[in-house]
N, C-alpha and C. Protein backbone atom coordinates (compact mmCIF):
# COMPACT_ATOMS: atom_id res chain seq x y z
N UNK A 1 0.89 -1.10 0.11
CA UNK A 1 0.25 0.21 -0.41
C UNK A 1 1.20 1.17 -0.06
N UNK A 2 0.25 2.24 -0.92
CA UNK A 2 1.34 3.17 -1.21
C UNK A 2 0.46 4.52 -0.68
N UNK A 3 1.34 5.10 0.24
CA UNK A 3 0.03 6.84 1.21
C UNK A 3 1.33 7.58 0.66
N UNK A 4 0.20 8.69 -0.26
CA UNK A 4 0.45 9.49 -0.29
C UNK A 4 0.54 11.11 0.38
N UNK A 5 1.98 11.56 0.31
CA UNK A 5 1.88 12.58 1.33
C UNK A 5 1.64 13.79 0.86
N UNK A 6 0.85 14.57 1.76
CA UNK A 6 0.13 15.85 1.16
C UNK A 6 0.81 17.19 2.09
N UNK A 7 0.85 18.21 1.36
CA UNK A 7 1.31 19.65 2.32
C UNK A 7 1.24 20.85 1.73
N UNK A 8 1.07 21.60 2.76
CA UNK A 8 1.16 23.22 2.47
C UNK A 8 2.31 23.88 2.81
N UNK A 9 3.29 24.55 1.90
CA UNK A 9 3.71 25.27 2.84
C UNK A 9 4.12 26.83 2.58
N UNK A 10 3.80 27.45 3.45
CA UNK A 10 4.25 29.31 3.01
C UNK A 10 4.85 29.80 3.53
N UNK A 11 5.91 30.63 2.70
CA UNK A 11 6.65 30.96 3.48
C UNK A 11 6.49 32.86 2.74
N UNK A 12 6.65 33.66 3.90
CA UNK A 12 6.66 34.62 3.68
C UNK A 12 7.03 35.68 5.06
N UNK A 13 7.35 36.80 4.36
CA UNK A 13 7.54 37.77 4.97
C UNK A 13 7.06 39.33 5.31
N UNK A 14 5.89 38.78 6.34
CA UNK A 14 4.60 39.69 6.72
C UNK A 14 5.61 41.22 6.86
N UNK A 15 5.24 42.32 6.60
CA UNK A 15 5.82 43.60 7.45
C UNK A 15 4.94 44.83 6.68
N UNK A 16 4.41 45.24 7.68
CA UNK A 16 3.35 46.56 7.58
C UNK A 16 2.27 45.86 8.76
N UNK A 17 1.48 47.22 8.42
CA UNK A 17 -0.04 46.68 9.18
C UNK A 17 -0.72 46.12 8.32
N UNK A 18 -2.46 45.70 9.17
CA UNK A 18 -3.88 45.19 8.95
C UNK A 18 -3.00 44.02 8.13
N UNK A 19 -3.53 43.88 6.74
CA UNK A 19 -3.40 42.51 5.67
C UNK A 19 -1.68 42.00 5.58
N UNK A 20 -0.82 43.70 5.45
CA UNK A 20 0.55 43.42 4.97
C UNK A 20 1.01 42.76 6.41
N UNK A 21 0.53 42.59 7.33
CA UNK A 21 0.95 42.32 8.25
C UNK A 21 1.20 40.75 8.71
N UNK A 22 0.24 40.23 7.99
CA UNK A 22 -0.13 38.58 8.39
C UNK A 22 0.80 37.35 7.41
N UNK A 23 0.78 36.39 7.46
CA UNK A 23 1.35 35.78 6.18
C UNK A 23 0.00 34.68 5.67
N UNK A 24 -0.74 34.33 6.28
CA UNK A 24 -1.87 34.22 5.84
C UNK A 24 -3.15 34.77 6.58
N UNK A 25 -4.00 35.56 6.05
CA UNK A 25 -4.91 36.19 6.24
C UNK A 25 -6.94 35.30 5.75
N UNK A 26 -7.19 34.58 6.78
CA UNK A 26 -8.36 34.07 6.45
C UNK A 26 -9.81 35.02 6.80
N UNK A 27 -10.87 35.84 6.26
CA UNK A 27 -11.71 36.39 7.04
C UNK A 27 -13.60 35.60 6.39
N UNK A 28 -13.84 35.31 7.22
CA UNK A 28 -15.32 35.34 7.49
C UNK A 28 -16.10 35.72 7.34
N UNK A 29 -16.63 36.78 6.34
CA UNK A 29 -17.27 38.20 6.80
C UNK A 29 -17.94 37.90 5.49
N UNK A 30 -19.06 39.08 5.27
CA UNK A 30 -19.20 39.47 4.21
C UNK A 30 -19.04 40.69 3.36
N UNK A 31 -17.85 41.04 4.04
CA UNK A 31 -17.24 42.41 3.81
C UNK A 31 -16.37 42.07 2.17
N UNK A 32 -15.44 43.40 1.93
CA UNK A 32 -14.71 43.43 0.70
C UNK A 32 -13.20 43.24 1.36
N UNK A 33 -12.19 42.85 0.36
CA UNK A 33 -10.86 43.35 1.06
C UNK A 33 -10.64 44.73 1.46
N UNK A 34 -11.07 45.65 0.85
CA UNK A 34 -10.63 47.01 0.90
C UNK A 34 -11.85 47.41 2.29
N UNK A 35 -12.67 46.72 2.70
CA UNK A 35 -13.77 47.50 4.01
C UNK A 35 -12.93 46.97 5.40
N UNK A 36 -13.19 47.36 6.07
CA UNK A 36 -12.87 46.78 7.98
C UNK A 36 -13.13 45.37 8.21
N UNK A 37 -14.05 44.47 7.44
CA UNK A 37 -14.13 43.48 7.58
C UNK A 37 -13.15 42.69 7.30
N UNK A 38 -12.23 43.07 5.77
CA UNK A 38 -11.27 42.25 4.81
C UNK A 38 -9.78 42.68 5.27
N UNK A 39 -9.89 43.15 6.68
CA UNK A 39 -8.36 44.21 7.09
C UNK A 39 -8.43 43.47 7.97
N UNK A 40 -6.85 42.39 8.47
CA UNK A 40 -6.34 42.06 9.28
C UNK A 40 -6.31 43.12 10.57
N UNK A 41 -6.79 42.72 11.96
CA UNK A 41 -6.54 44.05 13.02
C UNK A 41 -5.28 43.93 13.65
N UNK A 42 -4.23 44.13 12.65
CA UNK A 42 -2.93 44.17 13.20
C UNK A 42 -2.30 45.30 13.03
N UNK A 43 -1.65 46.23 14.25
CA UNK A 43 -1.18 47.97 14.02
C UNK A 43 -2.16 47.94 14.10
N UNK A 44 -3.17 48.22 13.93
CA UNK A 44 -4.72 49.00 14.08
C UNK A 44 -4.61 50.48 13.30
N UNK A 45 -3.54 50.90 12.47
CA UNK A 45 -3.89 51.94 11.41
C UNK A 45 -3.51 51.33 10.02
N UNK A 46 -4.36 51.85 8.95
CA UNK A 46 -4.52 51.81 8.06
C UNK A 46 -3.14 51.78 7.42
N UNK A 47 -2.59 51.11 6.75
CA UNK A 47 -1.66 51.55 6.00
C UNK A 47 -1.59 52.46 4.63
N UNK A 48 -2.94 52.44 4.06
CA UNK A 48 -3.27 53.29 3.00
C UNK A 48 -3.23 55.04 3.16
N UNK A 49 -3.53 54.88 4.59
CA UNK A 49 -2.89 56.70 5.20
C UNK A 49 -1.61 56.90 5.31
N UNK A 50 -0.76 56.62 4.75
CA UNK A 50 0.60 56.54 4.54
C UNK A 50 1.63 56.70 5.32
N UNK A 51 3.05 57.11 5.41
CA UNK A 51 3.73 56.60 6.30
C UNK A 51 3.80 56.92 8.02
N UNK A 52 2.61 58.17 7.82
CA UNK A 52 1.97 58.28 9.54
C UNK A 52 1.64 56.96 10.04
N UNK A 53 0.90 56.41 9.68
CA UNK A 53 -0.26 55.31 10.06
C UNK A 53 1.44 53.73 9.82
N UNK A 54 2.40 53.70 8.83
CA UNK A 54 3.63 52.75 9.40
C UNK A 54 4.42 53.25 10.45
N UNK A 55 5.07 54.70 10.81
CA UNK A 55 5.52 55.01 11.47
C UNK A 55 5.21 54.79 12.88
N UNK A 56 3.69 55.06 12.91
CA UNK A 56 2.88 55.29 14.24
C UNK A 56 2.48 54.09 14.71
N UNK A 57 2.58 53.29 13.83
CA UNK A 57 1.93 51.62 14.28
C UNK A 57 2.77 51.35 14.83
N UNK A 58 2.29 49.85 15.67
CA UNK A 58 3.45 49.16 16.25
C UNK A 58 3.98 47.48 15.81
N UNK A 59 3.69 47.54 14.03
CA UNK A 59 3.74 47.11 13.09
C UNK A 59 4.13 45.36 13.34
N UNK A 60 2.78 45.11 14.22
CA UNK A 60 2.61 43.40 14.85
C UNK A 60 2.57 42.53 13.75
N UNK A 61 2.86 41.69 13.64
CA UNK A 61 2.64 40.45 12.49
C UNK A 61 2.29 38.82 13.51
N UNK A 62 1.73 38.34 12.13
CA UNK A 62 1.14 37.13 12.47
C UNK A 62 0.89 36.13 11.25
N UNK A 63 1.62 35.04 12.35
CA UNK A 63 1.47 33.94 11.04
C UNK A 63 0.72 33.44 10.42
N UNK A 64 -0.71 33.46 10.82
CA UNK A 64 -2.51 33.14 10.84
C UNK A 64 -3.08 34.23 11.61
N UNK A 65 -3.78 34.44 10.66
CA UNK A 65 -4.69 35.31 11.15
C UNK A 65 -5.92 35.42 11.08
N UNK A 66 -6.84 35.10 11.80
CA UNK A 66 -8.45 34.57 11.21
C UNK A 66 -9.45 35.71 11.79
N UNK A 67 -9.71 36.44 11.04
CA UNK A 67 -10.99 37.68 10.91
C UNK A 67 -12.28 36.95 11.00
N UNK A 68 -12.97 36.88 11.72
CA UNK A 68 -14.61 36.39 12.18
C UNK A 68 -15.48 37.81 12.12
N UNK A 69 -16.54 37.83 11.85
CA UNK A 69 -17.68 38.58 12.03
C UNK A 69 -18.77 38.12 11.96
N UNK A 70 -19.80 38.33 13.07
CA UNK A 70 -21.21 37.91 12.57
C UNK A 70 -21.97 38.37 11.40
N UNK A 71 -22.69 37.32 11.15
CA UNK A 71 -23.88 37.55 10.28
C UNK A 71 -24.88 38.28 10.66
N UNK A 72 -24.70 39.08 9.66
CA UNK A 72 -26.66 40.24 9.64
C UNK A 72 -27.10 39.55 9.72
N UNK A 73 -28.77 40.03 9.71
CA UNK A 73 -30.25 39.44 9.88
C UNK A 73 -30.17 39.50 8.57
N UNK A 74 -30.61 38.43 7.79
CA UNK A 74 -30.81 37.94 6.45
C UNK A 74 -32.15 38.95 5.93
N UNK A 75 -33.58 38.49 6.91
CA UNK A 75 -34.48 38.60 7.07
C UNK A 75 -35.44 39.29 7.72
N UNK A 76 -36.64 40.24 8.22
CA UNK A 76 -36.96 40.23 8.68
C UNK A 76 -38.56 39.81 8.51
N UNK A 77 -39.03 38.95 9.72
CA UNK A 77 -40.57 38.46 8.70
C UNK A 77 -41.45 38.23 9.80
N UNK A 78 -43.06 38.97 9.41
CA UNK A 78 -43.39 38.70 10.51
C UNK A 78 -44.24 37.37 10.56
N UNK A 79 -44.48 36.74 12.27
CA UNK A 79 -45.21 35.49 12.18
C UNK A 79 -46.74 35.60 12.88
N UNK A 80 -47.38 34.75 12.25
CA UNK A 80 -48.62 34.95 12.42
C UNK A 80 -48.56 34.01 13.94
N UNK A 81 -48.47 32.81 13.64
CA UNK A 81 -48.94 31.71 14.74
C UNK A 81 -47.29 30.69 14.93
N UNK A 82 -47.33 29.87 16.07
CA UNK A 82 -46.63 29.10 16.00
C UNK A 82 -47.40 27.55 16.70
N UNK A 83 -47.22 26.42 15.94
CA UNK A 83 -47.56 25.19 16.46
C UNK A 83 -46.77 24.59 16.65
N UNK A 84 -46.74 22.77 16.71
CA UNK A 84 -46.08 21.71 16.63
C UNK A 84 -44.75 21.61 15.69
N UNK A 85 -45.49 22.46 14.95
CA UNK A 85 -44.88 22.33 13.24
C UNK A 85 -43.40 23.38 13.23
N UNK A 86 -43.64 24.10 13.85
CA UNK A 86 -42.71 25.60 13.54
C UNK A 86 -43.79 26.98 13.60
N UNK A 87 -43.54 28.00 12.80
CA UNK A 87 -43.78 29.22 12.48
C UNK A 87 -44.44 29.49 11.31
N UNK A 88 -45.62 30.16 11.76
CA UNK A 88 -47.01 30.44 10.46
C UNK A 88 -46.56 31.90 10.17
N UNK A 89 -45.82 32.26 8.87
CA UNK A 89 -45.92 33.49 8.70
C UNK A 89 -46.91 34.81 8.37
N UNK A 90 -46.75 35.99 8.07
CA UNK A 90 -48.40 36.58 8.24
C UNK A 90 -48.60 36.50 6.61
N UNK A 91 -46.99 36.82 5.73
CA UNK A 91 -47.05 36.67 4.21
C UNK A 91 -46.40 35.33 3.92
N UNK A 92 -46.85 34.97 2.54
CA UNK A 92 -46.01 34.29 2.04
C UNK A 92 -44.38 34.50 1.96
N UNK A 93 -43.35 33.57 2.11
CA UNK A 93 -42.28 34.07 1.10
C UNK A 93 -42.41 34.67 -0.44
N UNK A 94 -41.85 35.61 -0.49
CA UNK A 94 -41.19 35.71 -2.48
C UNK A 94 -40.65 34.66 -2.59
N UNK A 95 -40.12 35.17 -4.12
CA UNK A 95 -39.27 33.85 -4.71
C UNK A 95 -37.87 34.01 -4.22
N UNK A 96 -37.23 35.57 -4.21
CA UNK A 96 -36.47 35.80 -3.46
C UNK A 96 -36.08 35.64 -2.04
N UNK A 97 -36.92 35.78 -1.45
CA UNK A 97 -36.67 35.44 0.17
C UNK A 97 -36.35 33.62 0.48
N UNK A 98 -37.06 33.10 -0.79
CA UNK A 98 -37.03 31.48 -0.51
C UNK A 98 -35.77 31.06 -1.06
N UNK A 99 -35.04 31.78 -1.73
CA UNK A 99 -33.84 31.83 -2.37
C UNK A 99 -32.67 31.75 -1.45
N UNK A 100 -32.75 32.57 -0.84
CA UNK A 100 -31.82 32.69 0.70
C UNK A 100 -31.86 31.39 1.62
N UNK A 101 -32.63 30.74 1.68
CA UNK A 101 -32.96 30.12 2.70
C UNK A 101 -32.35 28.16 2.33
N UNK A 102 -31.71 27.72 3.21
CA UNK A 102 -30.95 26.67 2.44
C UNK A 102 -30.72 25.58 3.80
N UNK A 103 -30.62 24.23 3.76
CA UNK A 103 -30.49 23.23 4.48
C UNK A 103 -30.00 23.77 6.07
N UNK A 104 -30.15 23.98 6.90
CA UNK A 104 -29.62 23.85 8.47
C UNK A 104 -29.33 25.25 8.31
N UNK A 105 -30.16 26.02 8.35
CA UNK A 105 -30.38 27.50 8.38
C UNK A 105 -30.54 27.88 9.76
N UNK A 106 -30.05 28.49 10.62
CA UNK A 106 -30.63 28.65 11.86
C UNK A 106 -31.90 29.94 11.98
N UNK A 107 -32.76 29.41 12.18
CA UNK A 107 -33.87 30.54 12.34
C UNK A 107 -34.26 30.89 13.63
N UNK A 108 -34.17 32.11 13.84
CA UNK A 108 -33.95 32.87 15.54
C UNK A 108 -35.07 34.01 15.44
N UNK A 109 -36.12 33.92 16.36
CA UNK A 109 -37.19 35.22 16.51
C UNK A 109 -37.00 35.58 17.99
N UNK A 110 -37.24 36.93 17.72
CA UNK A 110 -37.31 37.69 18.94
C UNK A 110 -38.71 37.65 20.16
N UNK A 111 -39.56 36.35 20.06
CA UNK A 111 -40.83 36.36 20.30
C UNK A 111 -40.53 35.46 21.50
N UNK A 112 -41.04 35.83 22.39
CA UNK A 112 -40.67 35.39 24.08
C UNK A 112 -41.79 34.44 24.01
N UNK A 113 -41.22 32.88 24.73
CA UNK A 113 -41.71 32.23 24.41
C UNK A 113 -42.67 31.92 25.88
N UNK A 114 -43.92 31.52 25.97
CA UNK A 114 -44.44 32.37 26.96
C UNK A 114 -44.66 30.80 28.33
N UNK A 115 -43.85 29.41 27.71
CA UNK A 115 -44.08 28.58 28.41
C UNK A 115 -42.34 27.85 28.83
N UNK A 116 -41.67 29.08 28.61
CA UNK A 116 -40.47 28.65 29.20
C UNK A 116 -40.27 29.57 30.71
N UNK A 117 -39.20 29.22 31.62
CA UNK A 117 -39.28 30.18 32.90
C UNK A 117 -38.32 30.94 32.07
N UNK A 118 -38.87 31.88 32.87
CA UNK A 118 -37.48 33.24 32.69
C UNK A 118 -36.55 32.95 33.12
N UNK A 119 -36.23 32.51 34.87
CA UNK A 119 -34.96 31.79 35.08
C UNK A 119 -34.53 30.71 35.23
N UNK A 120 -33.05 29.93 35.20
CA UNK A 120 -33.28 28.67 34.86
C UNK A 120 -32.87 28.26 36.50
N UNK A 121 -32.41 26.57 36.50
CA UNK A 121 -32.00 26.08 38.23
C UNK A 121 -31.27 27.01 38.56
N UNK A 122 -30.19 27.58 38.07
CA UNK A 122 -29.18 28.24 38.84
C UNK A 122 -29.00 29.70 38.79
N UNK A 123 -30.34 30.21 38.55
CA UNK A 123 -30.70 31.81 38.82
C UNK A 123 -30.36 32.34 37.58
N UNK A 124 -30.00 32.12 36.62
CA UNK A 124 -29.50 33.07 35.37
C UNK A 124 -30.65 33.00 34.33
N UNK A 125 -30.85 33.65 33.60
CA UNK A 125 -31.74 33.71 32.36
C UNK A 125 -31.85 33.16 31.80
N UNK A 126 -33.07 31.98 31.47
CA UNK A 126 -33.11 31.48 30.26
C UNK A 126 -33.27 31.86 28.67
N UNK A 127 -32.14 31.48 27.89
CA UNK A 127 -32.64 32.13 26.40
C UNK A 127 -34.32 31.32 25.73
N UNK A 128 -35.12 32.21 26.48
CA UNK A 128 -36.93 31.71 25.79
C UNK A 128 -37.09 32.20 24.64
N UNK A 129 -36.57 32.23 23.54
CA UNK A 129 -37.30 32.66 22.49
C UNK A 129 -37.02 31.60 21.50
N UNK A 130 -38.55 31.33 20.07
CA UNK A 130 -38.18 30.21 19.48
C UNK A 130 -37.00 30.62 18.36
N UNK A 131 -36.04 29.22 18.54
CA UNK A 131 -35.35 28.64 17.71
C UNK A 131 -35.73 27.41 17.03
N UNK A 132 -35.34 27.40 16.11
CA UNK A 132 -35.35 26.36 15.26
C UNK A 132 -34.14 26.23 14.16
N UNK A 133 -33.88 25.16 13.18
CA UNK A 133 -33.04 24.74 12.30
C UNK A 133 -33.69 24.31 10.95
N UNK A 134 -33.63 25.32 10.02
CA UNK A 134 -34.50 25.01 9.12
C UNK A 134 -34.18 23.34 8.29
N UNK A 135 -34.88 22.55 7.99
CA UNK A 135 -34.92 20.91 7.74
C UNK A 135 -35.32 20.55 6.24
N UNK A 136 -35.49 21.55 5.60
CA UNK A 136 -36.33 21.77 4.13
C UNK A 136 -35.02 22.63 3.23
């Protein structure tokens, strides 16, 4: 039996602030490379501002940088009622809204559930809003 070995090697010389200061930057955001979501938070000053930003930054570097942001709400829909199967909307979804849905997507509401205690057994507050995962 022959086992194939795989590897990935990255050689770099990071220098500067933001993305210039990391060897490999990975972003999970809806932003672009030119926006705040697409810049590594290294040295804190945008190098596009000129020499001042480089001279007054700390020139921090990172071999690997992960930039994560929370996704914004994709849809705000009014719910008429809930039953054992889920929520029923006041208005049917449009074709454009349906295209945004996918299997496994989280569906959160800000509707407080009357059948869940406000506090848990430890005295902390329960997350008592309706939440489900799309199964279709």
